[in-house]
Amino acid sequence: MLKGRHLIDIMDFSTEELDEILGLANEIISDEEKFSQVCRGKLLATLFYEPSTRTRLSFESAMMRLGGKVIGFSDAGSSSVSKGESIVDTIRVISCYADIAAMRHPKEGAPKIASMYSSIPVINAGDGGHQHPTQTLADLLTIKSMKGTMSNLKIGCCGDLKFGRTVHSLIKAMSRYENNNFTLISPRELKIPDYVKKELDNKNIEYIETSSLEAAIGSLDVLYMTRVQKERFFNEEDYVRLRDSYILDKEKMTGAKDNMIVLHPLPRVNEISHEIDQDPRACYFKQVKYGMYVRMALIMELLGIK
């Protein structure tokens, strides 16, 4: 069903297609050895124009665990981009070498442009402050695994909601499942963009905006923490002023439900205290592992491998 498709925006796939990917990921988790050679002879190109640790290594680990191999670059300066090569020409060249590509780029829309000229599937691995659909797949798999459902949940998103592409993608995805609502926790300067709120309004999905984590945490089933992203700021003073807006610690966690889960796309700076890591509600490292498995499933689906 998904063979040859691109994943640029989480909305590119229907909920049935998302569920298909999550189902395959669970099959891989239950018997990883069964899938260890399904991509033998296949090549993944990782085109990372922006620094990344988790996402790039997650994609590479996913392909290698499926028996495939990886080519690519982790720094645009080490590619022909430094000579002025366009994204269009780069993807046309890469299409001659690889079977599938994952692209991260600081400019919104760059992976979309690449997909328009690519003869192989292109996966958006993050484009500026816009979208990060494979992180969302990791988030969905974590929520489904830990909560047993993706419906009837109160989801809190806290921190940088303006530039946080993972938050934008998560809200889009979870708003498609039944009876979810959102609590948007941020300082005034980092509020969720109007276009995201407009989409929620158009679907009659309930949400509230607040600046108080303490006031909101008690009602949440899922708390999605984000860091204030220094690289998205033009003004150093604004970053310094806002970076410590929210710090989740033991004291704040006492006000949360016993079965609430805490997620974070990582890397964290100081917005989650390390003392929380031992709390059974802290699921952000599980989230990393689930991210690798869901990318394994996505690669298989886009390559049409069963």
Protein backbone atom coordinates (compact mmCIF):
# COMPACT_ATOMS: atom_id res chain seq x y z
CA MET A 1 0.00 0.00 0.00
CA LEU A 2 2.86 2.37 0.86
CA LYS A 3 5.48 1.13 -1.61
CA GLY A 4 7.18 3.99 -3.44
CA ARG A 5 5.47 6.71 -1.35
CA HIS A 6 7.19 9.66 0.36
CA LEU A 7 6.71 10.70 4.00
CA ILE A 8 7.01 14.49 4.21
CA ASP A 9 4.14 15.34 6.55
CA ILE A 10 2.45 12.98 9.02
CA MET A 11 -0.82 13.84 7.25
CA ASP A 12 0.50 12.16 4.08
CA PHE A 13 -0.67 8.86 5.56
CA SER A 14 -4.18 7.90 6.65
CA THR A 15 -4.81 6.65 10.17
CA GLU A 16 -5.17 3.16 8.70
CA GLU A 17 -1.72 3.47 7.11
CA LEU A 18 -0.25 4.80 10.35
CA ASP A 19 -1.76 1.85 12.20
CA GLU A 20 -0.26 -0.50 9.60
CA ILE A 21 3.23 0.91 10.26
CA LEU A 22 2.75 0.70 14.04
CA GLY A 23 1.50 -2.87 13.72
CA LEU A 24 4.58 -3.88 11.72
CA ALA A 25 6.81 -2.15 14.28
CA ASN A 26 5.23 -4.28 17.02
CA GLU A 27 5.87 -7.41 14.94
CA ILE A 28 9.54 -6.42 14.66
CA ILE A 29 9.75 -5.80 18.42
CA SER A 30 8.31 -9.26 19.13
CA ASP A 31 10.71 -11.10 16.80
CA GLU A 32 13.55 -8.87 15.60
CA GLU A 33 15.62 -11.79 14.28
CA LYS A 34 12.89 -12.64 11.76
CA PHE A 35 13.48 -9.28 10.04
CA SER A 36 17.29 -9.18 10.22
CA GLN A 37 17.90 -9.73 6.48
CA VAL A 38 14.76 -8.40 4.78
CA CYS A 39 16.60 -5.36 3.36
CA ARG A 40 19.74 -7.18 2.30
CA GLY A 41 21.06 -5.53 -0.88
CA LYS A 42 19.18 -2.27 -0.22
CA LEU A 43 20.79 1.14 0.42
CA LEU A 44 19.52 4.01 2.58
CA ALA A 45 20.95 7.49 1.91
CA THR A 46 21.00 9.81 4.94
CA LEU A 47 21.15 13.43 3.73
CA PHE A 48 21.61 15.51 6.88
CA TYR A 49 22.11 19.21 6.20
CA GLU A 50 21.68 19.93 9.93
CA PRO A 51 23.31 18.36 13.01
CA SER A 52 21.63 15.27 14.43
CA THR A 53 22.58 12.39 16.71
CA ARG A 54 19.44 10.43 17.52
CA THR A 55 17.52 10.74 14.25
CA ARG A 56 20.48 9.99 11.95
CA LEU A 57 21.76 7.09 14.04
CA SER A 58 18.21 5.78 14.47
CA PHE A 59 17.75 5.64 10.69
CA GLU A 60 21.16 4.05 10.20
CA SER A 61 20.58 1.49 12.96
CA ALA A 62 17.16 0.71 11.54
CA MET A 63 18.50 -0.03 8.06
CA MET A 64 21.45 -2.06 9.32
CA ARG A 65 19.23 -4.14 11.62
CA LEU A 66 17.14 -4.97 8.54
CA GLY A 67 20.29 -6.19 6.77
CA GLY A 68 20.69 -3.14 4.51
CA LYS A 69 23.51 -0.61 4.21
CA VAL A 70 23.82 3.15 4.55
CA ILE A 71 25.50 5.95 2.59
CA GLY A 72 25.23 9.71 2.99
CA PHE A 73 26.55 12.72 4.87
CA SER A 74 26.03 14.21 8.32
CA ASP A 75 27.28 17.70 7.46
CA ALA A 76 26.30 19.74 4.43
CA GLY A 77 29.81 21.19 4.38
CA SER A 78 31.20 17.78 3.47
CA SER A 79 28.88 17.41 0.48
CA SER A 80 28.66 19.12 -2.92
CA VAL A 81 26.22 21.57 -1.34
CA SER A 82 29.35 23.48 -0.31
CA LYS A 83 30.05 23.88 -4.04
CA GLY A 84 26.59 25.25 -4.69
CA GLU A 85 24.75 22.10 -5.75
CA SER A 86 20.96 22.39 -5.48
CA ILE A 87 18.72 20.04 -3.51
CA VAL A 88 17.10 19.00 -6.79
CA ASP A 89 20.41 17.92 -8.34
CA THR A 90 21.53 16.24 -5.11
CA ILE A 91 18.42 14.05 -4.89
CA ARG A 92 18.61 13.19 -8.58
CA VAL A 93 22.18 11.98 -8.06
CA ILE A 94 21.35 10.11 -4.85
CA SER A 95 18.44 8.42 -6.63
CA CYS A 96 21.00 6.77 -8.89
CA TYR A 97 22.79 5.23 -5.90
CA ALA A 98 20.28 4.45 -3.17
CA ASP A 99 16.87 2.80 -2.81
CA ILE A 100 15.47 5.21 -0.21
CA ALA A 101 16.55 8.52 1.36
CA ALA A 102 16.09 10.30 4.68
CA MET A 103 16.63 14.08 4.59
CA ARG A 104 17.03 16.62 7.37
CA HIS A 105 17.26 20.27 6.37
CA PRO A 106 17.11 23.60 8.23
CA LYS A 107 14.75 25.12 5.64
CA GLU A 108 11.05 24.33 5.79
CA GLY A 109 9.86 22.52 2.67
CA ALA A 110 13.27 21.28 1.48
CA PRO A 111 12.38 17.55 1.74
CA LYS A 112 9.11 18.26 -0.08
CA ILE A 113 11.02 19.80 -2.99
CA ALA A 114 13.40 16.84 -3.02
CA SER A 115 10.48 14.39 -3.16
CA MET A 116 9.11 16.13 -6.26
CA TYR A 117 12.27 15.28 -8.21
CA SER A 118 13.19 11.95 -6.63
CA SER A 119 12.74 8.52 -8.18
CA ILE A 120 13.13 6.87 -4.74
CA PRO A 121 11.08 7.34 -1.54
CA VAL A 122 12.08 10.43 0.47
CA ILE A 123 11.52 10.58 4.23
CA ASN A 124 11.45 13.96 5.95
CA ALA A 125 13.80 13.62 8.94
CA GLY A 126 13.02 17.17 10.10
CA ASP A 127 12.71 20.43 8.16
CA GLY A 128 13.38 23.57 10.17
CA GLY A 129 10.57 24.37 12.60
CA HIS A 130 8.00 22.69 10.36
CA GLN A 131 7.57 18.90 10.53
CA HIS A 132 9.30 15.80 11.95
CA PRO A 133 6.99 12.93 10.96
CA THR A 134 9.21 9.98 11.95
CA GLN A 135 9.59 11.41 15.45
CA THR A 136 5.81 11.49 15.50
CA LEU A 137 5.69 7.81 14.52
CA ALA A 138 8.01 7.12 17.47
CA ASP A 139 5.72 9.18 19.71
CA LEU A 140 2.61 7.33 18.52
CA LEU A 141 4.19 3.91 19.07
CA THR A 142 5.30 4.95 22.57
CA ILE A 143 1.87 6.30 23.49
CA LYS A 144 0.09 3.23 22.15
CA SER A 145 2.51 0.86 23.91
CA MET A 146 2.45 2.67 27.25
CA LYS A 147 -1.19 3.81 27.38
CA GLY A 148 -2.78 0.98 25.37
CA THR A 149 -4.71 3.47 23.22
CA MET A 150 -4.33 6.62 21.14
CA SER A 151 -7.84 7.89 21.88
CA ASN A 152 -9.54 9.63 24.82
CA LEU A 153 -6.30 11.21 26.05
CA LYS A 154 -5.48 14.60 27.53
CA ILE A 155 -2.12 15.56 26.04
CA GLY A 156 0.03 18.37 27.41
CA CYS A 157 2.72 19.94 25.22
CA CYS A 158 5.18 22.06 27.19
CA GLY A 159 8.04 24.41 26.29
CA ASP A 160 8.89 25.70 22.85
CA LEU A 161 5.63 25.28 20.97
CA LYS A 162 6.48 27.94 18.38
CA PHE A 163 9.55 26.34 16.80
CA GLY A 164 8.98 22.77 18.07
CA ARG A 165 8.38 20.79 14.88
CA THR A 166 7.87 17.59 16.89
CA VAL A 167 4.96 19.23 18.73
CA HIS A 168 3.35 20.43 15.50
CA SER A 169 3.51 16.93 14.00
CA LEU A 170 2.28 15.23 17.18
CA ILE A 171 -0.76 17.50 17.48
CA LYS A 172 -1.64 16.90 13.84
CA ALA A 173 -1.41 13.14 14.30
CA MET A 174 -3.18 12.80 17.65
CA SER A 175 -5.98 15.13 16.57
CA ARG A 176 -7.03 12.41 14.10
CA TYR A 177 -7.80 9.92 16.85
CA GLU A 178 -11.06 10.02 18.76
CA ASN A 179 -11.72 12.36 21.68
CA ASN A 180 -8.20 13.64 22.32
CA ASN A 181 -7.67 17.17 23.63
CA PHE A 182 -4.62 19.32 24.22
CA THR A 183 -3.15 21.57 26.89
CA LEU A 184 -0.59 23.92 25.34
CA ILE A 185 1.91 25.13 27.96
CA SER A 186 4.38 27.83 26.96
CA PRO A 187 5.57 31.37 27.60
CA ARG A 188 3.80 34.00 25.51
CA GLU A 189 6.78 34.33 23.15
CA LEU A 190 6.79 30.61 22.31
CA LYS A 191 3.07 29.95 21.84
CA ILE A 192 1.85 27.44 19.28
CA PRO A 193 1.56 28.94 15.75
CA ASP A 194 -1.86 30.17 14.69
CA TYR A 195 -2.04 27.71 11.78
CA VAL A 196 -1.89 24.77 14.21
CA LYS A 197 -4.66 26.27 16.36
CA LYS A 198 -6.73 26.96 13.26
CA GLU A 199 -6.53 23.29 12.29
CA LEU A 200 -7.75 22.31 15.76
CA ASP A 201 -10.55 24.87 15.58
CA ASN A 202 -11.63 23.56 12.18
CA LYS A 203 -11.93 20.06 13.65
CA ASN A 204 -13.70 21.29 16.81
CA ILE A 205 -10.95 19.79 18.95
CA GLU A 206 -10.72 21.12 22.47
CA TYR A 207 -7.52 22.82 23.59
CA ILE A 208 -6.45 25.32 26.20
CA GLU A 209 -3.39 27.56 26.37
CA THR A 210 -1.62 28.28 29.66
CA SER A 211 1.75 29.40 30.95
CA SER A 212 1.57 27.25 34.11
CA LEU A 213 2.88 23.68 34.08
CA GLU A 214 2.00 23.25 37.76
CA ALA A 215 -1.65 24.14 37.14
CA ALA A 216 -1.98 21.82 34.15
CA ILE A 217 -0.01 18.70 35.07
CA GLY A 218 -2.63 17.09 37.32
CA SER A 219 -5.13 16.50 34.52
CA LEU A 220 -2.74 15.10 31.91
CA ASP A 221 -2.40 11.55 30.57
CA VAL A 222 0.64 12.44 28.44
CA LEU A 223 3.15 15.23 29.06
CA TYR A 224 5.31 16.05 26.04
CA MET A 225 8.26 18.18 27.15
CA THR A 226 10.44 20.11 24.69
CA ARG A 227 13.61 22.14 24.98
CA VAL A 228 13.89 25.80 24.10
CA GLN A 229 15.91 25.55 20.90
CA LYS A 230 18.87 27.93 20.84
CA GLU A 231 19.43 27.31 17.12
CA ARG A 232 15.99 28.75 16.24
CA PHE A 233 16.62 32.11 17.93
CA PHE A 234 17.97 35.20 16.23
CA ASN A 235 18.47 36.97 19.54
CA GLU A 236 20.76 35.47 22.20
CA GLU A 237 19.12 37.55 24.94
CA ASP A 238 15.68 36.12 24.16
CA TYR A 239 17.05 32.58 24.32
CA VAL A 240 18.76 33.16 27.69
CA ARG A 241 15.60 34.72 29.09
CA LEU A 242 13.34 31.85 28.00
CA ARG A 243 15.53 28.75 28.20
CA ASP A 244 14.65 27.90 31.82
CA SER A 245 10.91 28.63 31.53
CA TYR A 246 9.96 25.06 32.50
CA ILE A 247 11.95 22.50 34.47
CA LEU A 248 10.16 19.24 35.30
CA ASP A 249 11.35 17.96 38.69
CA LYS A 250 10.20 15.62 41.45
CA GLU A 251 8.15 18.31 43.12
CA LYS A 252 6.11 19.01 39.99
CA MET A 253 5.68 15.28 39.33
CA THR A 254 3.95 14.84 42.69
CA GLY A 255 0.98 16.67 41.20
CA ALA A 256 0.71 14.31 38.20
CA LYS A 257 -1.38 11.16 37.78
CA ASP A 258 0.28 7.87 38.69
CA ASN A 259 -0.19 6.63 35.14
CA MET A 260 0.78 9.81 33.28
CA ILE A 261 3.71 9.32 30.90
CA VAL A 262 6.46 11.84 30.19
CA LEU A 263 7.81 12.05 26.64
CA HIS A 264 10.59 14.18 25.15
CA PRO A 265 11.97 14.11 21.58
CA LEU A 266 15.49 14.75 22.94
CA PRO A 267 18.09 16.14 23.25
CA ARG A 268 17.19 17.64 26.59
CA VAL A 269 19.13 20.48 28.14
CA ASN A 270 17.72 21.07 31.62
CA GLU A 271 13.95 21.02 31.08
CA ILE A 272 13.69 17.56 32.70
CA SER A 273 15.68 17.05 35.86
CA HIS A 274 17.83 13.90 35.85
CA GLU A 275 16.13 12.83 39.07
CA ILE A 276 13.04 12.09 36.97
CA ASP A 277 14.85 9.44 34.91
CA GLN A 278 14.16 6.76 37.53
CA ASP A 279 10.44 7.59 37.70
CA PRO A 280 8.43 4.79 35.99
CA ARG A 281 6.41 7.50 34.23
CA ALA A 282 9.55 8.72 32.40
CA CYS A 283 9.33 7.13 28.94
CA TYR A 284 11.70 9.24 26.83
CA PHE A 285 14.43 6.60 26.56
CA LYS A 286 11.84 3.97 25.67
CA GLN A 287 10.73 6.49 23.05
CA VAL A 288 14.23 6.38 21.50
CA LYS A 289 14.11 2.59 21.19
CA TYR A 290 10.60 2.66 19.74
CA GLY A 291 11.83 5.25 17.23
CA MET A 292 14.32 2.80 15.79
CA TYR A 293 11.71 0.04 15.48
CA VAL A 294 9.14 2.29 13.83
CA ARG A 295 11.75 3.49 11.31
CA MET A 296 12.52 -0.13 10.52
CA ALA A 297 8.83 -0.63 9.80
CA LEU A 298 8.62 2.55 7.72
CA ILE A 299 11.62 1.60 5.57
CA MET A 300 10.10 -1.81 4.89
CA GLU A 301 6.72 -0.32 3.99
CA LEU A 302 8.11 2.31 1.60
CA LEU A 303 10.32 -0.27 -0.09
CA GLY A 304 7.39 -2.67 -0.37
CA ILE A 305 9.15 -5.42 1.59
CA LYS A 306 6.95 -7.89 3.42
